[in-house]
Structure formats: structure tokens, C-alpha cells
Amino acid sequence: MRAGDSLVITKLDRLARSLRDATDIIEDLTRREVKLSIGGSVHDPTDPVGRLLFNVLAMVAEFESDLIRARTREGMQVAKAKG
């Protein structure tokens, strides 16, 4: 990607596996002056509001992933107990 380009992301959990991973990616994109298009809106990660929005969305995406993993483990334990 070139400076000034936009990166289109349909779901933030498709971009990164964790908040730390997402932060590393956004720092790289910021250095390269690439803006993010999340849900149809373009956000500038160098802008305070854009950075806040990205961090909040990344935290929510990580939370959702954690919930899915916890529910999967719980379901496997129930299935194992039932035989």
C-alpha cells in the first residue's frame, strides 16, 4: 500500500488475533500513512478520535474472540461429560 491509500476492513477480528497484534498493525499502517475503512467509514489512525475508535473496536473484537473460545471449551466439557 502507498501513503494515502485506505485499507478496507469488513470485520476488525479479521485483521488481528489480539489487541496487541492489532496495535502493532495499526502502528505499521500509521507509519505508512494508510487510513482504515472500517464498516464503510474511513478513519485516520493519526487522529485522536480515529485512534480511540480503532482501539475500542479492537478491544471489543478481542473480547468477542475470548467469549467464543470460552463457550467452545465449555461446550466440549459438557459433551465430554455426557460421553
Protein backbone atom coordinates (compact mmCIF):
# COMPACT_ATOMS: atom_id res chain seq x y z
CA MET A 1 0.00 0.00 0.00
CA ARG A 2 1.12 3.53 -0.72
CA ALA A 3 0.84 6.59 1.50
CA GLY A 4 -2.67 8.00 1.37
CA ASP A 5 -4.27 4.66 0.47
CA SER A 6 -7.13 3.22 2.53
CA LEU A 7 -7.24 -0.32 3.89
CA VAL A 8 -10.78 -1.74 3.86
CA ILE A 9 -11.63 -3.95 6.83
CA THR A 10 -15.04 -5.66 6.96
CA LYS A 11 -14.57 -7.03 10.49
CA LEU A 12 -11.81 -5.99 12.84
CA ASP A 13 -11.35 -9.54 14.17
CA ARG A 14 -10.25 -10.50 10.63
CA LEU A 15 -7.36 -8.02 10.85
CA ALA A 16 -5.71 -9.25 14.04
CA ARG A 17 -5.85 -12.06 16.57
CA SER A 18 -5.35 -9.90 19.66
CA LEU A 19 -5.32 -6.31 20.84
CA ARG A 20 -1.51 -6.35 20.85
CA ASP A 21 -1.43 -7.66 17.29
CA ALA A 22 -3.96 -5.00 16.19
CA THR A 23 -1.88 -2.28 17.85
CA ASP A 24 1.26 -3.44 16.03
CA ILE A 25 -0.61 -3.47 12.72
CA ILE A 26 -2.09 0.00 13.23
CA GLU A 27 1.33 1.40 14.14
CA ASP A 28 2.76 -0.03 10.90
CA LEU A 29 -0.12 1.35 8.85
CA THR A 30 0.23 4.75 10.55
CA ARG A 31 3.94 4.88 9.65
CA ARG A 32 2.96 4.17 6.05
CA GLU A 33 0.18 6.81 6.17
CA VAL A 34 -2.55 4.28 5.35
CA LYS A 35 -6.07 5.10 6.54
CA LEU A 36 -8.57 2.46 7.70
CA SER A 37 -12.03 1.91 6.29
CA ILE A 38 -13.99 0.09 8.98
CA GLY A 39 -17.66 -0.55 8.33
CA GLY A 40 -17.72 1.89 5.43
CA SER A 41 -16.22 4.84 7.35
CA VAL A 42 -12.64 5.95 6.75
CA HIS A 43 -10.65 6.63 9.92
CA ASP A 44 -7.29 8.32 10.23
CA PRO A 45 -5.26 6.44 12.86
CA THR A 46 -3.14 9.56 13.44
CA ASP A 47 -6.24 11.49 14.52
CA PRO A 48 -7.08 11.13 18.26
CA VAL A 49 -10.70 10.15 17.54
CA GLY A 50 -9.68 7.65 14.85
CA ARG A 51 -7.11 6.09 17.18
CA LEU A 52 -9.65 5.87 20.04
CA LEU A 53 -12.24 4.27 17.77
CA PHE A 54 -9.76 1.71 16.46
CA ASN A 55 -8.62 0.78 19.99
CA VAL A 56 -12.19 0.40 21.27
CA LEU A 57 -13.17 -1.74 18.28
CA ALA A 58 -10.03 -3.86 18.68
CA MET A 59 -10.83 -4.44 22.36
CA VAL A 60 -14.40 -5.47 21.51
CA ALA A 61 -13.16 -7.83 18.79
CA GLU A 62 -10.71 -9.46 21.21
CA PHE A 63 -13.48 -9.77 23.83
CA GLU A 64 -15.77 -11.49 21.31
CA SER A 65 -12.98 -13.93 20.37
CA ASP A 66 -12.36 -14.70 24.04
CA LEU A 67 -16.08 -15.38 24.59
CA ILE A 68 -16.21 -17.74 21.62
CA ARG A 69 -13.18 -19.68 22.90
CA ALA A 70 -14.64 -19.89 26.43
CA ARG A 71 -18.01 -21.11 25.14
CA THR A 72 -16.33 -23.66 22.89
CA ARG A 73 -14.28 -25.06 25.81
CA GLU A 74 -17.41 -25.17 27.98
CA GLY A 75 -19.36 -26.97 25.27
CA MET A 76 -16.59 -29.52 24.82
CA GLN A 77 -16.51 -30.21 28.56
CA VAL A 78 -20.30 -30.74 28.61
CA ALA A 79 -20.11 -33.05 25.58
CA LYS A 80 -17.24 -35.00 27.15
CA ALA A 81 -19.16 -35.41 30.41
CA LYS A 82 -22.17 -36.76 28.51
CA GLY A 83 -19.93 -39.23 26.70
